């Protein structure tokens, strides 16, 4: 729930879903497997084993467990990349395009 100290305008749903994350590069895109921790209308947080530079454009694909619900395909910009432990980074992504 959004508290008084939270600056977000939208609720975040806890997701914990596997996803495919592609960091867009002019020459060769980098592809990672990641875990989407949470998701809102305008952003998401994903866990990766590698840091991703702030400002990078990324594509995220989360498969659906049901044929009746389409997979989530989004593009966004990395706003935050913090080290959580020796092999886990939390990446904050602002979504600017949903497909």
PDB file of N, CA and C in Angstrom:
ATOM      1  N   UNK A   1       0.833  -1.176   0.000  1.00  0.00           N
ATOM      2  CA  UNK A   1       0.000   0.000   0.000  1.00  0.00           C
ATOM      3  C   UNK A   1       0.877   1.239   0.000  1.00  0.00           C
ATOM      4  N   UNK A   2       0.431   2.276  -0.625  1.00  0.00           N
ATOM      5  CA  UNK A   2       1.200   3.506  -0.688  1.00  0.00           C
ATOM      6  C   UNK A   2       1.060   4.235   0.637  1.00  0.00           C
ATOM      7  N   UNK A   3       2.202   4.495   1.273  1.00  0.00           N
ATOM      8  CA  UNK A   3       2.202   5.208   2.542  1.00  0.00           C
ATOM      9  C   UNK A   3       2.472   6.678   2.327  1.00  0.00           C
ATOM     10  N   UNK A   4       2.453   7.433   3.411  1.00  0.00           N
ATOM     11  CA  UNK A   4       2.686   8.867   3.320  1.00  0.00           C
ATOM     12  C   UNK A   4       4.080   9.194   2.831  1.00  0.00           C
ATOM     13  N   UNK A   5       5.068   8.362   3.141  1.00  0.00           N
ATOM     14  CA  UNK A   5       6.452   8.622   2.750  1.00  0.00           C
ATOM     15  C   UNK A   5       6.770   8.146   1.340  1.00  0.00           C
ATOM     16  N   UNK A   6       5.878   7.402   0.723  1.00  0.00           N
ATOM     17  CA  UNK A   6       6.118   6.851  -0.608  1.00  0.00           C
ATOM     18  C   UNK A   6       5.738   7.877  -1.668  1.00  0.00           C
ATOM     19  N   UNK A   7       6.646   8.185  -2.588  1.00  0.00           N
ATOM     20  CA  UNK A   7       6.417   9.196  -3.615  1.00  0.00           C
ATOM     21  C   UNK A   7       5.705   8.640  -4.850  1.00  0.00           C
ATOM     22  N   UNK A   8       5.473   7.335  -4.899  1.00  0.00           N
ATOM     23  CA  UNK A   8       4.881   6.735  -6.089  1.00  0.00           C
ATOM     24  C   UNK A   8       3.420   7.126  -6.239  1.00  0.00           C
ATOM     25  N   UNK A   9       2.984   7.241  -7.488  1.00  0.00           N
ATOM     26  CA  UNK A   9       1.592   7.549  -7.788  1.00  0.00           C
ATOM     27  C   UNK A   9       0.773   6.284  -8.030  1.00  0.00           C
ATOM     28  N   UNK A  10       1.455   5.143  -8.248  1.00  0.00           N
ATOM     29  CA  UNK A  10       0.770   3.893  -8.572  1.00  0.00           C
ATOM     30  C   UNK A  10       1.227   2.793  -7.626  1.00  0.00           C
ATOM     31  N   UNK A  11       0.332   1.848  -7.374  1.00  0.00           N
ATOM     32  CA  UNK A  11       0.653   0.706  -6.525  1.00  0.00           C
ATOM     33  C   UNK A  11       1.610  -0.231  -7.238  1.00  0.00           C
ATOM     34  N   UNK A  12       2.461  -0.890  -6.490  1.00  0.00           N
ATOM     35  CA  UNK A  12       3.355  -1.906  -7.029  1.00  0.00           C
ATOM     36  C   UNK A  12       2.827  -3.274  -6.629  1.00  0.00           C
ATOM     37  N   UNK A  13       2.809  -4.196  -7.614  1.00  0.00           N
ATOM     38  CA  UNK A  13       2.407  -5.575  -7.344  1.00  0.00           C
ATOM     39  C   UNK A  13       3.669  -6.403  -7.167  1.00  0.00           C
ATOM     40  N   UNK A  14       3.696  -7.212  -6.150  1.00  0.00           N
ATOM     41  CA  UNK A  14       4.805  -8.142  -5.970  1.00  0.00           C
ATOM     42  C   UNK A  14       4.603  -9.267  -6.985  1.00  0.00           C
ATOM     43  N   UNK A  15       5.640  -9.561  -7.787  1.00  0.00           N
ATOM     44  CA  UNK A  15       5.479 -10.489  -8.893  1.00  0.00           C
ATOM     45  C   UNK A  15       6.319 -11.742  -8.718  1.00  0.00           C
ATOM     46  N   UNK A  16       7.631 -11.614  -8.566  1.00  0.00           N
ATOM     47  CA  UNK A  16       8.571 -12.732  -8.443  1.00  0.00           C
ATOM     48  C   UNK A  16       8.457 -13.692  -9.635  1.00  0.00           C
ATOM     49  N   UNK A  17       8.608 -13.154 -10.854  1.00  0.00           N
ATOM     50  CA  UNK A  17       8.485 -13.947 -12.078  1.00  0.00           C
ATOM     51  C   UNK A  17       9.781 -13.911 -12.876  1.00  0.00           C
ATOM     52  N   UNK A  18      10.130 -15.046 -13.478  1.00  0.00           N
ATOM     53  CA  UNK A  18      11.293 -15.090 -14.361  1.00  0.00           C
ATOM     54  C   UNK A  18      11.031 -14.220 -15.579  1.00  0.00           C
ATOM     55  N   UNK A  19      12.074 -13.559 -16.072  1.00  0.00           N
ATOM     56  CA  UNK A  19      11.918 -12.733 -17.258  1.00  0.00           C
ATOM     57  C   UNK A  19      13.204 -12.733 -18.075  1.00  0.00           C
ATOM     58  N   UNK A  20      13.070 -12.261 -19.303  1.00  0.00           N
ATOM     59  CA  UNK A  20      14.213 -12.093 -20.202  1.00  0.00           C
ATOM     60  C   UNK A  20      14.442 -10.599 -20.332  1.00  0.00           C
ATOM     61  N   UNK A  21      15.670 -10.177 -20.097  1.00  0.00           N
ATOM     62  CA  UNK A  21      16.023  -8.762 -20.117  1.00  0.00           C
ATOM     63  C   UNK A  21      17.077  -8.549 -21.196  1.00  0.00           C
ATOM     64  N   UNK A  22      16.806  -7.638 -22.125  1.00  0.00           N
ATOM     65  CA  UNK A  22      17.753  -7.339 -23.200  1.00  0.00           C
ATOM     66  C   UNK A  22      18.191  -5.884 -23.048  1.00  0.00           C
ATOM     67  N   UNK A  23      19.507  -5.695 -22.867  1.00  0.00           N
ATOM     68  CA  UNK A  23      20.068  -4.355 -22.785  1.00  0.00           C
ATOM     69  C   UNK A  23      20.434  -3.946 -24.203  1.00  0.00           C
ATOM     70  N   UNK A  24      19.830  -2.869 -24.666  1.00  0.00           N
ATOM     71  CA  UNK A  24      20.036  -2.438 -26.046  1.00  0.00           C
ATOM     72  C   UNK A  24      21.392  -1.745 -26.188  1.00  0.00           C
ATOM     73  N   UNK A  25      22.172  -2.212 -27.153  1.00  0.00           N
ATOM     74  CA  UNK A  25      23.473  -1.632 -27.509  1.00  0.00           C
ATOM     75  C   UNK A  25      23.478  -1.430 -29.014  1.00  0.00           C
ATOM     76  N   UNK A  26      24.209  -0.419 -29.510  1.00  0.00           N
ATOM     77  CA  UNK A  26      24.239  -0.179 -30.956  1.00  0.00           C
ATOM     78  C   UNK A  26      24.789  -1.349 -31.760  1.00  0.00           C
ATOM     79  N   UNK A  27      25.772  -2.074 -31.222  1.00  0.00           N
ATOM     80  CA  UNK A  27      26.400  -3.150 -31.978  1.00  0.00           C
ATOM     81  C   UNK A  27      25.763  -4.502 -31.650  1.00  0.00           C
ATOM     82  N   UNK A  28      25.862  -4.923 -30.396  1.00  0.00           N
ATOM     83  CA  UNK A  28      25.355  -6.231 -29.990  1.00  0.00           C
ATOM     84  C   UNK A  28      24.568  -6.114 -28.689  1.00  0.00           C
ATOM     85  N   UNK A  29      23.264  -6.383 -28.710  1.00  0.00           N
ATOM     86  CA  UNK A  29      22.486  -6.346 -27.466  1.00  0.00           C
ATOM     87  C   UNK A  29      22.957  -7.432 -26.501  1.00  0.00           C
ATOM     88  N   UNK A  30      22.857  -7.167 -25.199  1.00  0.00           N
ATOM     89  CA  UNK A  30      23.179  -8.159 -24.173  1.00  0.00           C
ATOM     90  C   UNK A  30      21.875  -8.712 -23.624  1.00  0.00           C
ATOM     91  N   UNK A  31      21.804 -10.035 -23.511  1.00  0.00           N
ATOM     92  CA  UNK A  31      20.593 -10.671 -23.005  1.00  0.00           C
ATOM     93  C   UNK A  31      20.880 -11.358 -21.679  1.00  0.00           C
ATOM     94  N   UNK A  32      19.981 -11.162 -20.713  1.00  0.00           N
ATOM     95  CA  UNK A  32      20.123 -11.745 -19.381  1.00  0.00           C
ATOM     96  C   UNK A  32      18.835 -12.448 -18.987  1.00  0.00           C
ATOM     97  N   UNK A  33      18.957 -13.439 -18.137  1.00  0.00           N
ATOM     98  CA  UNK A  33      17.777 -13.937 -17.439  1.00  0.00           C
ATOM     99  C   UNK A  33      17.724 -13.161 -16.137  1.00  0.00           C
ATOM    100  N   UNK A  34      16.526 -12.854 -15.694  1.00  0.00           N
ATOM    101  CA  UNK A  34      16.352 -12.041 -14.499  1.00  0.00           C
ATOM    102  C   UNK A  34      15.082 -12.482 -13.793  1.00  0.00           C
ATOM    103  N   UNK A  35      14.832 -11.886 -12.643  1.00  0.00           N
ATOM    104  CA  UNK A  35      13.599 -12.123 -11.905  1.00  0.00           C
ATOM    105  C   UNK A  35      12.930 -10.780 -11.658  1.00  0.00           C
ATOM    106  N   UNK A  36      11.698 -10.660 -12.113  1.00  0.00           N
ATOM    107  CA  UNK A  36      10.934  -9.443 -11.866  1.00  0.00           C
ATOM    108  C   UNK A  36      10.397  -9.524 -10.444  1.00  0.00           C
ATOM    109  N   UNK A  37      10.822  -8.604  -9.588  1.00  0.00           N
ATOM    110  CA  UNK A  37      10.373  -8.584  -8.194  1.00  0.00           C
ATOM    111  C   UNK A  37       9.022  -7.914  -8.046  1.00  0.00           C
ATOM    112  N   UNK A  38       8.895  -6.743  -8.673  1.00  0.00           N
ATOM    113  CA  UNK A  38       7.624  -6.036  -8.572  1.00  0.00           C
ATOM    114  C   UNK A  38       7.374  -5.235  -9.838  1.00  0.00           C
ATOM    115  N   UNK A  39       6.105  -4.841  -9.992  1.00  0.00           N
ATOM    116  CA  UNK A  39       5.662  -4.226 -11.236  1.00  0.00           C
ATOM    117  C   UNK A  39       4.562  -3.219 -10.925  1.00  0.00           C
ATOM    118  N   UNK A  40       4.617  -2.068 -11.592  1.00  0.00           N
ATOM    119  CA  UNK A  40       3.540  -1.089 -11.489  1.00  0.00           C
ATOM    120  C   UNK A  40       3.217  -0.588 -12.887  1.00  0.00           C
ATOM    121  N   UNK A  41       2.339   0.368 -12.981  1.00  0.00           N
ATOM    122  CA  UNK A  41       1.949   0.921 -14.270  1.00  0.00           C
ATOM    123  C   UNK A  41       3.119   1.590 -14.976  1.00  0.00           C
ATOM    124  N   UNK A  42       4.034   2.167 -14.216  1.00  0.00           N
ATOM    125  CA  UNK A  42       5.111   2.960 -14.815  1.00  0.00           C
ATOM    126  C   UNK A  42       6.511   2.400 -14.603  1.00  0.00           C
ATOM    127  N   UNK A  43       6.641   1.286 -13.887  1.00  0.00           N
ATOM    128  CA  UNK A  43       7.986   0.777 -13.646  1.00  0.00           C
ATOM    129  C   UNK A  43       8.012  -0.628 -13.089  1.00  0.00           C
ATOM    130  N   UNK A  44       9.243  -1.127 -12.928  1.00  0.00           N
ATOM    131  CA  UNK A  44       9.438  -2.457 -12.376  1.00  0.00           C
ATOM    132  C   UNK A  44      10.812  -2.541 -11.739  1.00  0.00           C
ATOM    133  N   UNK A  45      10.970  -3.522 -10.869  1.00  0.00           N
ATOM    134  CA  UNK A  45      12.272  -3.826 -10.283  1.00  0.00           C
ATOM    135  C   UNK A  45      12.611  -5.262 -10.647  1.00  0.00           C
ATOM    136  N   UNK A  46      13.815  -5.470 -11.175  1.00  0.00           N
ATOM    137  CA  UNK A  46      14.252  -6.808 -11.544  1.00  0.00           C
ATOM    138  C   UNK A  46      15.587  -7.118 -10.879  1.00  0.00           C
ATOM    139  N   UNK A  47      15.791  -8.393 -10.569  1.00  0.00           N
ATOM    140  CA  UNK A  47      17.064  -8.871 -10.026  1.00  0.00           C
ATOM    141  C   UNK A  47      17.880  -9.480 -11.146  1.00  0.00           C
ATOM    142  N   UNK A  48      19.164  -9.138 -11.218  1.00  0.00           N
ATOM    143  CA  UNK A  48      20.083  -9.743 -12.179  1.00  0.00           C
ATOM    144  C   UNK A  48      21.368 -10.132 -11.465  1.00  0.00           C
ATOM    145  N   UNK A  49      22.198 -10.892 -12.150  1.00  0.00           N
ATOM    146  CA  UNK A  49      23.503 -11.251 -11.598  1.00  0.00           C
ATOM    147  C   UNK A  49      24.576 -10.251 -12.006  1.00  0.00           C
ATOM    148  N   UNK A  50      24.246  -9.339 -12.943  1.00  0.00           N
ATOM    149  CA  UNK A  50      25.195  -8.346 -13.430  1.00  0.00           C
ATOM    150  C   UNK A  50      24.594  -6.952 -13.257  1.00  0.00           C
ATOM    151  N   UNK A  51      25.442  -5.948 -13.013  1.00  0.00           N
ATOM    152  CA  UNK A  51      24.920  -4.580 -12.971  1.00  0.00           C
ATOM    153  C   UNK A  51      24.585  -4.112 -14.384  1.00  0.00           C
ATOM    154  N   UNK A  52      23.682  -3.163 -14.480  1.00  0.00           N
ATOM    155  CA  UNK A  52      23.335  -2.547 -15.763  1.00  0.00           C
ATOM    156  C   UNK A  52      23.463  -1.040 -15.569  1.00  0.00           C
ATOM    157  N   UNK A  53      24.133  -0.386 -16.492  1.00  0.00           N
ATOM    158  CA  UNK A  53      24.384   1.046 -16.371  1.00  0.00           C
ATOM    159  C   UNK A  53      23.091   1.852 -16.358  1.00  0.00           C
ATOM    160  N   UNK A  54      23.048   2.836 -15.481  1.00  0.00           N
ATOM    161  CA  UNK A  54      21.930   3.763 -15.416  1.00  0.00           C
ATOM    162  C   UNK A  54      21.841   4.506 -16.751  1.00  0.00           C
ATOM    163  N   UNK A  55      20.626   4.677 -17.228  1.00  0.00           N
ATOM    164  CA  UNK A  55      20.389   5.359 -18.492  1.00  0.00           C
ATOM    165  C   UNK A  55      20.237   4.435 -19.683  1.00  0.00           C
ATOM    166  N   UNK A  56      20.609   3.164 -19.525  1.00  0.00           N
ATOM    167  CA  UNK A  56      20.480   2.207 -20.636  1.00  0.00           C
ATOM    168  C   UNK A  56      19.015   1.914 -20.931  1.00  0.00           C
ATOM    169  N   UNK A  57      18.712   1.692 -22.205  1.00  0.00           N
ATOM    170  CA  UNK A  57      17.382   1.253 -22.622  1.00  0.00           C
ATOM    171  C   UNK A  57      17.366  -0.270 -22.600  1.00  0.00           C
ATOM    172  N   UNK A  58      16.293  -0.839 -22.029  1.00  0.00           N
ATOM    173  CA  UNK A  58      16.167  -2.289 -21.921  1.00  0.00           C
ATOM    174  C   UNK A  58      14.797  -2.729 -22.420  1.00  0.00           C
ATOM    175  N   UNK A  59      14.734  -3.967 -22.885  1.00  0.00           N
ATOM    176  CA  UNK A  59      13.475  -4.632 -23.212  1.00  0.00           C
ATOM    177  C   UNK A  59      13.285  -5.756 -22.213  1.00  0.00           C
ATOM    178  N   UNK A  60      12.064  -5.920 -21.742  1.00  0.00           N
ATOM    179  CA  UNK A  60      11.752  -6.959 -20.753  1.00  0.00           C
ATOM    180  C   UNK A  60      10.594  -7.779 -21.283  1.00  0.00           C
ATOM    181  N   UNK A  61      10.717  -9.105 -21.175  1.00  0.00           N
ATOM    182  CA  UNK A  61       9.659 -10.011 -21.590  1.00  0.00           C
ATOM    183  C   UNK A  61       9.379 -10.962 -20.440  1.00  0.00           C
ATOM    184  N   UNK A  62       8.127 -10.965 -19.977  1.00  0.00           N
ATOM    185  CA  UNK A  62       7.697 -11.891 -18.930  1.00  0.00           C
ATOM    186  C   UNK A  62       6.649 -12.802 -19.550  1.00  0.00           C
ATOM    187  N   UNK A  63       6.951 -14.086 -19.607  1.00  0.00           N
ATOM    188  CA  UNK A  63       6.024 -15.058 -20.182  1.00  0.00           C
ATOM    189  C   UNK A  63       4.787 -15.194 -19.299  1.00  0.00           C
ATOM    190  N   UNK A  64       3.688 -15.574 -19.921  1.00  0.00           N
ATOM    191  CA  UNK A  64       2.444 -15.777 -19.196  1.00  0.00           C
ATOM    192  C   UNK A  64       2.254 -17.260 -18.889  1.00  0.00           C
ATOM    193  N   UNK A  65       1.675 -17.532 -17.742  1.00  0.00           N
ATOM    194  CA  UNK A  65       1.390 -18.921 -17.364  1.00  0.00           C
ATOM    195  C   UNK A  65       0.072 -19.401 -17.960  1.00  0.00           C
ATOM    196  N   UNK A  66      -0.662 -18.486 -18.578  1.00  0.00           N
ATOM    197  CA  UNK A  66      -1.973 -18.821 -19.128  1.00  0.00           C
ATOM    198  C   UNK A  66      -2.062 -18.370 -20.580  1.00  0.00           C
ATOM    199  N   UNK A  67      -2.706 -19.181 -21.412  1.00  0.00           N
ATOM    200  CA  UNK A  67      -2.919 -18.798 -22.812  1.00  0.00           C
ATOM    201  C   UNK A  67      -3.883 -17.628 -22.929  1.00  0.00           C
ATOM    202  N   UNK A  68      -4.694 -17.411 -21.920  1.00  0.00           N
ATOM    203  CA  UNK A  68      -5.695 -16.350 -21.946  1.00  0.00           C
ATOM    204  C   UNK A  68      -5.109 -14.977 -21.609  1.00  0.00           C
ATOM    205  N   UNK A  69      -3.916 -14.967 -21.040  1.00  0.00           N
ATOM    206  CA  UNK A  69      -3.262 -13.707 -20.679  1.00  0.00           C
ATOM    207  C   UNK A  69      -2.000 -13.579 -21.524  1.00  0.00           C
ATOM    208  N   UNK A  70      -1.863 -12.502 -22.288  1.00  0.00           N
ATOM    209  CA  UNK A  70      -0.660 -12.351 -23.129  1.00  0.00           C
ATOM    210  C   UNK A  70       0.587 -12.081 -22.288  1.00  0.00           C
ATOM    211  N   UNK A  71       1.762 -12.397 -22.817  1.00  0.00           N
ATOM    212  CA  UNK A  71       2.993 -12.098 -22.085  1.00  0.00           C
ATOM    213  C   UNK A  71       3.168 -10.577 -21.972  1.00  0.00           C
ATOM    214  N   UNK A  72       3.925 -10.160 -20.979  1.00  0.00           N
ATOM    215  CA  UNK A  72       4.236  -8.740 -20.824  1.00  0.00           C
ATOM    216  C   UNK A  72       5.499  -8.432 -21.616  1.00  0.00           C
ATOM    217  N   UNK A  73       5.413  -7.479 -22.506  1.00  0.00           N
ATOM    218  CA  UNK A  73       6.574  -7.022 -23.271  1.00  0.00           C
ATOM    219  C   UNK A  73       6.661  -5.521 -23.077  1.00  0.00           C
ATOM    220  N   UNK A  74       7.794  -5.070 -22.545  1.00  0.00           N
ATOM    221  CA  UNK A  74       7.935  -3.650 -22.243  1.00  0.00           C
ATOM    222  C   UNK A  74       9.344  -3.176 -22.585  1.00  0.00           C
ATOM    223  N   UNK A  75       9.443  -1.869 -22.841  1.00  0.00           N
ATOM    224  CA  UNK A  75      10.749  -1.214 -22.988  1.00  0.00           C
ATOM    225  C   UNK A  75      10.820  -0.139 -21.926  1.00  0.00           C
ATOM    226  N   UNK A  76      12.030   0.067 -21.440  1.00  0.00           N
ATOM    227  CA  UNK A  76      12.179   1.062 -20.399  1.00  0.00           C
ATOM    228  C   UNK A  76      13.601   1.546 -20.268  1.00  0.00           C
ATOM    229  N   UNK A  77      13.786   2.429 -19.308  1.00  0.00           N
ATOM    230  CA  UNK A  77      15.078   3.048 -19.046  1.00  0.00           C
ATOM    231  C   UNK A  77      15.504   2.690 -17.626  1.00  0.00           C
ATOM    232  N   UNK A  78      16.774   2.286 -17.476  1.00  0.00           N
ATOM    233  CA  UNK A  78      17.305   1.948 -16.158  1.00  0.00           C
ATOM    234  C   UNK A  78      17.504   3.240 -15.367  1.00  0.00           C
ATOM    235  N   UNK A  79      16.813   3.328 -14.218  1.00  0.00           N
ATOM    236  CA  UNK A  79      16.940   4.487 -13.343  1.00  0.00           C
ATOM    237  C   UNK A  79      17.805   4.208 -12.129  1.00  0.00           C
ATOM    238  N   UNK A  80      17.915   2.918 -11.775  1.00  0.00           N
ATOM    239  CA  UNK A  80      18.640   2.548 -10.558  1.00  0.00           C
ATOM    240  C   UNK A  80      19.285   1.190 -10.766  1.00  0.00           C
ATOM    241  N   UNK A  81      20.489   1.024 -10.260  1.00  0.00           N
ATOM    242  CA  UNK A  81      21.193  -0.255 -10.323  1.00  0.00           C
ATOM    243  C   UNK A  81      22.010  -0.379  -9.039  1.00  0.00           C
ATOM    244  N   UNK A  82      21.515  -1.169  -8.092  1.00  0.00           N
ATOM    245  CA  UNK A  82      22.175  -1.271  -6.793  1.00  0.00           C
ATOM    246  C   UNK A  82      22.562  -2.713  -6.494  1.00  0.00           C
ATOM    247  N   UNK A  83      23.715  -2.860  -5.865  1.00  0.00           N
ATOM    248  CA  UNK A  83      24.212  -4.189  -5.483  1.00  0.00           C
ATOM    249  C   UNK A  83      23.539  -4.601  -4.185  1.00  0.00           C
ATOM    250  N   UNK A  84      22.866  -5.759  -4.215  1.00  0.00           N
ATOM    251  CA  UNK A  84      22.172  -6.256  -3.030  1.00  0.00           C
ATOM    252  C   UNK A  84      23.026  -7.265  -2.263  1.00  0.00           C
ATOM    253  N   UNK A  85      23.803  -8.064  -3.004  1.00  0.00           N
ATOM    254  CA  UNK A  85      24.712  -9.029  -2.395  1.00  0.00           C
ATOM    255  C   UNK A  85      25.825  -9.293  -3.403  1.00  0.00           C
ATOM    256  N   UNK A  86      26.667 -10.275  -3.134  1.00  0.00           N
ATOM    257  CA  UNK A  86      27.820 -10.513  -4.005  1.00  0.00           C
ATOM    258  C   UNK A  86      27.441 -10.845  -5.449  1.00  0.00           C
ATOM    259  N   UNK A  87      26.280 -11.441  -5.665  1.00  0.00           N
ATOM    260  CA  UNK A  87      25.900 -11.818  -7.027  1.00  0.00           C
ATOM    261  C   UNK A  87      24.471 -11.405  -7.398  1.00  0.00           C
ATOM    262  N   UNK A  88      23.904 -10.422  -6.697  1.00  0.00           N
ATOM    263  CA  UNK A  88      22.549  -9.963  -6.989  1.00  0.00           C
ATOM    264  C   UNK A  88      22.526  -8.437  -7.068  1.00  0.00           C
ATOM    265  N   UNK A  89      21.993  -7.939  -8.191  1.00  0.00           N
ATOM    266  CA  UNK A  89      21.808  -6.506  -8.396  1.00  0.00           C
ATOM    267  C   UNK A  89      20.322  -6.243  -8.572  1.00  0.00           C
ATOM    268  N   UNK A  90      19.843  -5.178  -7.975  1.00  0.00           N
ATOM    269  CA  UNK A  90      18.452  -4.777  -8.141  1.00  0.00           C
ATOM    270  C   UNK A  90      18.416  -3.613  -9.119  1.00  0.00           C
ATOM    271  N   UNK A  91      17.695  -3.809 -10.214  1.00  0.00           N
ATOM    272  CA  UNK A  91      17.626  -2.838 -11.299  1.00  0.00           C
ATOM    273  C   UNK A  91      16.227  -2.212 -11.309  1.00  0.00           C
ATOM    274  N   UNK A  92      16.160  -0.891 -11.171  1.00  0.00           N
ATOM    275  CA  UNK A  92      14.900  -0.168 -11.246  1.00  0.00           C
ATOM    276  C   UNK A  92      14.708   0.354 -12.653  1.00  0.00           C
ATOM    277  N   UNK A  93      13.579   0.033 -13.257  1.00  0.00           N
ATOM    278  CA  UNK A  93      13.326   0.379 -14.667  1.00  0.00           C
ATOM    279  C   UNK A  93      12.050   1.212 -14.765  1.00  0.00           C
ATOM    280  N   UNK A  94      12.153   2.336 -15.449  1.00  0.00           N
ATOM    281  CA  UNK A  94      10.975   3.145 -15.774  1.00  0.00           C
ATOM    282  C   UNK A  94      10.438   2.668 -17.124  1.00  0.00           C
ATOM    283  N   UNK A  95       9.190   2.240 -17.160  1.00  0.00           N
ATOM    284  CA  UNK A  95       8.580   1.743 -18.391  1.00  0.00           C
ATOM    285  C   UNK A  95       8.119   2.920 -19.243  1.00  0.00           C
ATOM    286  N   UNK A  96       8.533   2.937 -20.514  1.00  0.00           N
ATOM    287  CA  UNK A  96       8.028   3.976 -21.421  1.00  0.00           C
ATOM    288  C   UNK A  96       7.277   3.405 -22.606  1.00  0.00           C
ATOM    289  N   UNK A  97       7.248   2.084 -22.774  1.00  0.00           N
ATOM    290  CA  UNK A  97       6.514   1.472 -23.875  1.00  0.00           C
ATOM    291  C   UNK A  97       6.063   0.077 -23.495  1.00  0.00           C
ATOM    292  N   UNK A  98       4.755  -0.174 -23.560  1.00  0.00           N
ATOM    293  CA  UNK A  98       4.194  -1.512 -23.356  1.00  0.00           C
ATOM    294  C   UNK A  98       3.671  -2.008 -24.679  1.00  0.00           C
ATOM    295  N   UNK A  99       3.945  -3.284 -24.975  1.00  0.00           N
ATOM    296  CA  UNK A  99       3.475  -3.865 -26.243  1.00  0.00           C
ATOM    297  C   UNK A  99       2.368  -4.835 -25.973  1.00  0.00           C
TER     298      UNK A  99
END
